[in-house]
Amino acid sequence: MPIIHIVLFEWKPTASHYQIQKICTQMLALKENCIHATTQKPYIKSFTGGKNNSPEGHAGNLSHGFVVEFESVADRDYYVHEDAAHLAFVKDAGELIEGIKVLDYEVGKM
């Protein structure tokens, strides 16, 4: 069953527009840069993201969101805990992130 991984970022006040754009570009590039150790192939099914433009006003200080789809819990867990490209990204992005929210769900499971 597919797993949806939602990530929302709040940036440090010192983060420049250029730095935010760079991190967002790097985040989206993970779709191609994350290669599974076993298959030696990209394993992320889909990866989208962008800047909040909701008129509802419920985002608080969260300004950018990303949605990643994995084929399985195992693929998601590999991404979160082992994938070298993702772990390097987390380290780099952590320098600019003030707050982060992550929510994962299995498609069709309530």
N, C-alpha and C. Protein backbone atom coordinates (compact mmCIF):
# COMPACT_ATOMS: atom_id res chain seq x y z
N MET A 1 0.85 -1.18 0.00
CA MET A 1 0.00 0.00 0.00
C MET A 1 0.89 1.24 0.00
N PRO A 2 0.61 2.21 -0.88
CA PRO A 2 1.42 3.44 -0.93
C PRO A 2 1.40 4.23 0.38
N ILE A 3 2.52 4.90 0.64
CA ILE A 3 2.67 5.76 1.81
C ILE A 3 2.85 7.19 1.32
N ILE A 4 2.09 8.11 1.89
CA ILE A 4 2.23 9.53 1.60
C ILE A 4 2.96 10.18 2.77
N HIS A 5 4.00 10.94 2.46
CA HIS A 5 4.88 11.60 3.44
C HIS A 5 4.77 13.10 3.18
N ILE A 6 4.18 13.83 4.12
CA ILE A 6 3.96 15.27 3.98
C ILE A 6 4.92 16.00 4.91
N VAL A 7 5.65 16.98 4.36
CA VAL A 7 6.64 17.74 5.13
C VAL A 7 6.34 19.23 4.95
N LEU A 8 6.24 19.96 6.07
CA LEU A 8 5.97 21.39 6.05
C LEU A 8 7.09 22.13 6.78
N PHE A 9 7.62 23.19 6.16
CA PHE A 9 8.75 23.93 6.71
C PHE A 9 8.38 25.32 7.18
N GLU A 10 9.00 25.71 8.29
CA GLU A 10 9.03 27.10 8.76
C GLU A 10 10.51 27.47 8.77
N TRP A 11 10.86 28.58 8.16
CA TRP A 11 12.26 28.99 8.02
C TRP A 11 12.68 29.91 9.16
N LYS A 12 13.97 29.86 9.47
CA LYS A 12 14.53 30.80 10.45
C LYS A 12 14.43 32.20 9.86
N PRO A 13 14.23 33.21 10.69
CA PRO A 13 14.11 34.58 10.18
C PRO A 13 15.35 35.04 9.41
N THR A 14 16.49 34.41 9.68
CA THR A 14 17.73 34.79 9.01
C THR A 14 17.90 34.15 7.64
N ALA A 15 17.02 33.21 7.28
CA ALA A 15 17.12 32.54 5.98
C ALA A 15 16.75 33.50 4.86
N SER A 16 17.63 33.63 3.89
CA SER A 16 17.36 34.52 2.76
C SER A 16 16.47 33.82 1.73
N HIS A 17 15.88 34.62 0.87
CA HIS A 17 15.05 34.07 -0.22
C HIS A 17 15.88 33.10 -1.06
N TYR A 18 17.11 33.47 -1.36
CA TYR A 18 18.00 32.62 -2.15
C TYR A 18 18.24 31.27 -1.45
N GLN A 19 18.52 31.31 -0.15
CA GLN A 19 18.78 30.08 0.60
C GLN A 19 17.54 29.18 0.62
N ILE A 20 16.38 29.77 0.79
CA ILE A 20 15.13 29.01 0.81
C ILE A 20 14.89 28.36 -0.55
N GLN A 21 15.09 29.13 -1.62
CA GLN A 21 14.92 28.59 -2.97
C GLN A 21 15.89 27.42 -3.22
N LYS A 22 17.12 27.58 -2.77
CA LYS A 22 18.13 26.54 -2.96
C LYS A 22 17.73 25.25 -2.24
N ILE A 23 17.29 25.37 -0.99
CA ILE A 23 16.89 24.19 -0.22
C ILE A 23 15.66 23.53 -0.86
N CYS A 24 14.70 24.34 -1.31
CA CYS A 24 13.51 23.77 -1.94
C CYS A 24 13.88 23.02 -3.23
N THR A 25 14.79 23.58 -4.01
CA THR A 25 15.25 22.90 -5.23
C THR A 25 15.95 21.60 -4.88
N GLN A 26 16.77 21.62 -3.84
CA GLN A 26 17.45 20.39 -3.41
C GLN A 26 16.45 19.36 -2.91
N MET A 27 15.43 19.82 -2.21
CA MET A 27 14.41 18.90 -1.70
C MET A 27 13.72 18.19 -2.87
N LEU A 28 13.30 18.95 -3.87
CA LEU A 28 12.62 18.34 -5.01
C LEU A 28 13.54 17.41 -5.80
N ALA A 29 14.83 17.69 -5.81
CA ALA A 29 15.79 16.86 -6.53
C ALA A 29 15.98 15.49 -5.88
N LEU A 30 15.51 15.33 -4.64
CA LEU A 30 15.64 14.04 -3.97
C LEU A 30 14.94 12.93 -4.74
N LYS A 31 13.90 13.27 -5.51
CA LYS A 31 13.20 12.24 -6.28
C LYS A 31 14.17 11.47 -7.18
N GLU A 32 15.12 12.18 -7.79
CA GLU A 32 16.10 11.53 -8.65
C GLU A 32 17.36 11.13 -7.89
N ASN A 33 17.69 11.85 -6.84
CA ASN A 33 18.95 11.62 -6.11
C ASN A 33 18.89 10.49 -5.10
N CYS A 34 17.69 10.11 -4.70
CA CYS A 34 17.56 9.01 -3.73
C CYS A 34 17.53 7.68 -4.48
N ILE A 35 18.59 6.93 -4.30
CA ILE A 35 18.77 5.64 -4.97
C ILE A 35 18.76 4.55 -3.89
N HIS A 36 17.92 3.55 -4.08
CA HIS A 36 17.84 2.48 -3.09
C HIS A 36 19.08 1.60 -3.15
N ALA A 37 19.63 1.28 -1.99
CA ALA A 37 20.86 0.48 -1.92
C ALA A 37 20.71 -0.91 -2.52
N THR A 38 19.54 -1.48 -2.41
CA THR A 38 19.32 -2.84 -2.91
C THR A 38 19.12 -2.87 -4.43
N THR A 39 18.27 -2.00 -4.94
CA THR A 39 17.94 -2.03 -6.37
C THR A 39 18.85 -1.13 -7.22
N GLN A 40 19.53 -0.18 -6.57
CA GLN A 40 20.35 0.82 -7.27
C GLN A 40 19.52 1.65 -8.25
N LYS A 41 18.24 1.86 -7.91
CA LYS A 41 17.34 2.65 -8.74
C LYS A 41 16.59 3.66 -7.87
N PRO A 42 16.13 4.76 -8.49
CA PRO A 42 15.26 5.68 -7.73
C PRO A 42 14.01 4.94 -7.26
N TYR A 43 13.55 5.25 -6.07
CA TYR A 43 12.42 4.51 -5.50
C TYR A 43 11.27 5.40 -5.04
N ILE A 44 11.39 6.70 -5.18
CA ILE A 44 10.30 7.60 -4.82
C ILE A 44 9.32 7.64 -5.99
N LYS A 45 8.05 7.34 -5.72
CA LYS A 45 7.04 7.30 -6.78
C LYS A 45 6.72 8.69 -7.32
N SER A 46 6.50 9.64 -6.42
CA SER A 46 6.21 11.01 -6.84
C SER A 46 6.68 11.97 -5.75
N PHE A 47 6.95 13.21 -6.17
CA PHE A 47 7.50 14.20 -5.25
C PHE A 47 7.09 15.57 -5.77
N THR A 48 6.28 16.27 -4.99
CA THR A 48 5.86 17.62 -5.37
C THR A 48 6.04 18.55 -4.18
N GLY A 49 6.03 19.83 -4.46
CA GLY A 49 6.13 20.78 -3.36
C GLY A 49 6.11 22.21 -3.86
N GLY A 50 5.98 23.13 -2.92
CA GLY A 50 5.97 24.53 -3.28
C GLY A 50 5.65 25.42 -2.09
N LYS A 51 5.51 26.70 -2.40
CA LYS A 51 5.23 27.72 -1.40
C LYS A 51 3.73 27.80 -1.13
N ASN A 52 3.37 27.96 0.13
CA ASN A 52 1.98 28.06 0.54
C ASN A 52 1.31 29.25 -0.15
N ASN A 53 0.11 29.03 -0.66
CA ASN A 53 -0.69 30.13 -1.20
C ASN A 53 -2.15 30.00 -0.78
N SER A 54 -2.39 29.29 0.32
CA SER A 54 -3.76 29.08 0.79
C SER A 54 -4.35 30.38 1.31
N PRO A 55 -5.59 30.68 0.93
CA PRO A 55 -6.27 31.87 1.44
C PRO A 55 -6.91 31.66 2.82
N GLU A 56 -6.81 30.42 3.36
CA GLU A 56 -7.51 30.11 4.60
C GLU A 56 -6.84 30.68 5.85
N GLY A 57 -5.53 30.91 5.80
CA GLY A 57 -4.85 31.50 6.94
C GLY A 57 -4.57 30.57 8.10
N HIS A 58 -4.46 29.27 7.85
CA HIS A 58 -4.22 28.31 8.92
C HIS A 58 -2.80 27.75 8.95
N ALA A 59 -1.92 28.27 8.12
CA ALA A 59 -0.57 27.71 8.02
C ALA A 59 0.36 28.17 9.13
N GLY A 60 -0.02 29.20 9.86
CA GLY A 60 0.90 29.73 10.87
C GLY A 60 2.15 30.22 10.17
N ASN A 61 3.31 29.84 10.68
CA ASN A 61 4.58 30.24 10.07
C ASN A 61 5.12 29.23 9.08
N LEU A 62 4.37 28.18 8.81
CA LEU A 62 4.78 27.18 7.82
C LEU A 62 4.57 27.77 6.43
N SER A 63 5.61 27.80 5.62
CA SER A 63 5.49 28.50 4.34
C SER A 63 5.68 27.60 3.11
N HIS A 64 6.30 26.44 3.27
CA HIS A 64 6.55 25.56 2.14
C HIS A 64 6.17 24.13 2.52
N GLY A 65 5.56 23.44 1.56
CA GLY A 65 5.15 22.06 1.81
C GLY A 65 5.56 21.14 0.69
N PHE A 66 5.78 19.88 1.06
CA PHE A 66 6.20 18.87 0.10
C PHE A 66 5.42 17.58 0.37
N VAL A 67 5.08 16.89 -0.71
CA VAL A 67 4.37 15.62 -0.61
C VAL A 67 5.17 14.58 -1.39
N VAL A 68 5.55 13.53 -0.67
CA VAL A 68 6.36 12.46 -1.25
C VAL A 68 5.55 11.17 -1.18
N GLU A 69 5.53 10.42 -2.28
CA GLU A 69 4.81 9.15 -2.30
C GLU A 69 5.81 8.01 -2.45
N PHE A 70 5.68 7.04 -1.55
CA PHE A 70 6.50 5.83 -1.57
C PHE A 70 5.60 4.63 -1.85
N GLU A 71 6.18 3.59 -2.42
CA GLU A 71 5.44 2.37 -2.72
C GLU A 71 5.09 1.60 -1.44
N SER A 72 5.93 1.74 -0.40
CA SER A 72 5.73 0.92 0.79
C SER A 72 6.30 1.60 2.04
N VAL A 73 5.93 1.07 3.18
CA VAL A 73 6.48 1.52 4.46
C VAL A 73 7.99 1.31 4.47
N ALA A 74 8.44 0.19 3.91
CA ALA A 74 9.87 -0.11 3.88
C ALA A 74 10.64 0.95 3.09
N ASP A 75 10.09 1.40 1.96
CA ASP A 75 10.75 2.44 1.18
C ASP A 75 10.78 3.76 1.96
N ARG A 76 9.67 4.11 2.60
CA ARG A 76 9.63 5.33 3.41
C ARG A 76 10.66 5.26 4.53
N ASP A 77 10.72 4.12 5.21
CA ASP A 77 11.66 3.96 6.32
C ASP A 77 13.10 4.04 5.85
N TYR A 78 13.38 3.47 4.68
CA TYR A 78 14.73 3.57 4.12
C TYR A 78 15.08 5.04 3.86
N TYR A 79 14.17 5.77 3.27
CA TYR A 79 14.35 7.20 2.98
C TYR A 79 14.65 7.99 4.26
N VAL A 80 13.85 7.77 5.28
CA VAL A 80 13.97 8.53 6.53
C VAL A 80 15.24 8.18 7.31
N HIS A 81 15.59 6.90 7.35
CA HIS A 81 16.67 6.46 8.24
C HIS A 81 18.00 6.12 7.58
N GLU A 82 18.00 5.81 6.28
CA GLU A 82 19.23 5.29 5.68
C GLU A 82 19.71 5.99 4.41
N ASP A 83 18.81 6.56 3.63
CA ASP A 83 19.21 7.11 2.34
C ASP A 83 20.23 8.24 2.50
N ALA A 84 21.42 8.06 1.95
CA ALA A 84 22.51 9.04 2.13
C ALA A 84 22.15 10.41 1.57
N ALA A 85 21.47 10.45 0.42
CA ALA A 85 21.10 11.74 -0.17
C ALA A 85 20.11 12.48 0.72
N HIS A 86 19.13 11.76 1.26
CA HIS A 86 18.16 12.40 2.15
C HIS A 86 18.81 12.85 3.45
N LEU A 87 19.64 12.02 4.02
CA LEU A 87 20.28 12.38 5.29
C LEU A 87 21.20 13.59 5.12
N ALA A 88 21.89 13.70 4.00
CA ALA A 88 22.73 14.87 3.73
C ALA A 88 21.86 16.12 3.57
N PHE A 89 20.72 15.96 2.88
CA PHE A 89 19.79 17.08 2.73
C PHE A 89 19.29 17.56 4.09
N VAL A 90 18.90 16.63 4.96
CA VAL A 90 18.39 16.98 6.29
C VAL A 90 19.42 17.80 7.06
N LYS A 91 20.66 17.40 6.97
CA LYS A 91 21.73 18.13 7.65
C LYS A 91 21.85 19.56 7.11
N ASP A 92 21.88 19.71 5.79
CA ASP A 92 22.00 21.03 5.18
C ASP A 92 20.79 21.91 5.48
N ALA A 93 19.60 21.35 5.30
CA ALA A 93 18.38 22.13 5.49
C ALA A 93 18.18 22.52 6.95
N GLY A 94 18.65 21.68 7.85
CA GLY A 94 18.49 21.95 9.29
C GLY A 94 19.09 23.27 9.71
N GLU A 95 20.07 23.75 8.97
CA GLU A 95 20.70 25.03 9.29
C GLU A 95 19.73 26.19 9.11
N LEU A 96 18.72 26.03 8.26
CA LEU A 96 17.80 27.12 7.92
C LEU A 96 16.38 26.94 8.45
N ILE A 97 16.08 25.75 8.94
CA ILE A 97 14.70 25.44 9.35
C ILE A 97 14.47 25.77 10.82
N GLU A 98 13.43 26.55 11.05
CA GLU A 98 13.02 26.92 12.40
C GLU A 98 12.09 25.85 12.97
N GLY A 99 11.18 25.38 12.12
CA GLY A 99 10.22 24.38 12.55
C GLY A 99 9.83 23.49 11.39
N ILE A 100 9.43 22.28 11.72
CA ILE A 100 9.04 21.32 10.68
C ILE A 100 7.89 20.46 11.22
N LYS A 101 6.98 20.15 10.35
CA LYS A 101 5.88 19.22 10.66
C LYS A 101 5.93 18.11 9.62
N VAL A 102 5.78 16.88 10.08
CA VAL A 102 5.77 15.74 9.18
C VAL A 102 4.57 14.87 9.52
N LEU A 103 3.85 14.47 8.50
CA LEU A 103 2.70 13.59 8.67
C LEU A 103 2.75 12.55 7.57
N ASP A 104 2.68 11.30 7.94
CA ASP A 104 2.67 10.20 6.98
C ASP A 104 1.36 9.42 7.14
N TYR A 105 0.88 8.91 6.02
CA TYR A 105 -0.29 8.03 6.11
C TYR A 105 -0.24 6.99 5.00
N GLU A 106 -0.88 5.88 5.28
CA GLU A 106 -1.00 4.81 4.30
C GLU A 106 -2.30 5.02 3.54
N VAL A 107 -2.20 5.09 2.23
CA VAL A 107 -3.35 5.37 1.38
C VAL A 107 -4.45 4.34 1.64
N GLY A 108 -5.65 4.83 1.91
CA GLY A 108 -6.80 3.96 2.12
C GLY A 108 -6.99 3.45 3.53
N LYS A 109 -6.06 3.73 4.43
CA LYS A 109 -6.17 3.25 5.81
C LYS A 109 -6.63 4.39 6.72
N MET A 110 -7.71 4.15 7.42
CA MET A 110 -8.25 5.14 8.35
C MET A 110 -8.08 4.66 9.77
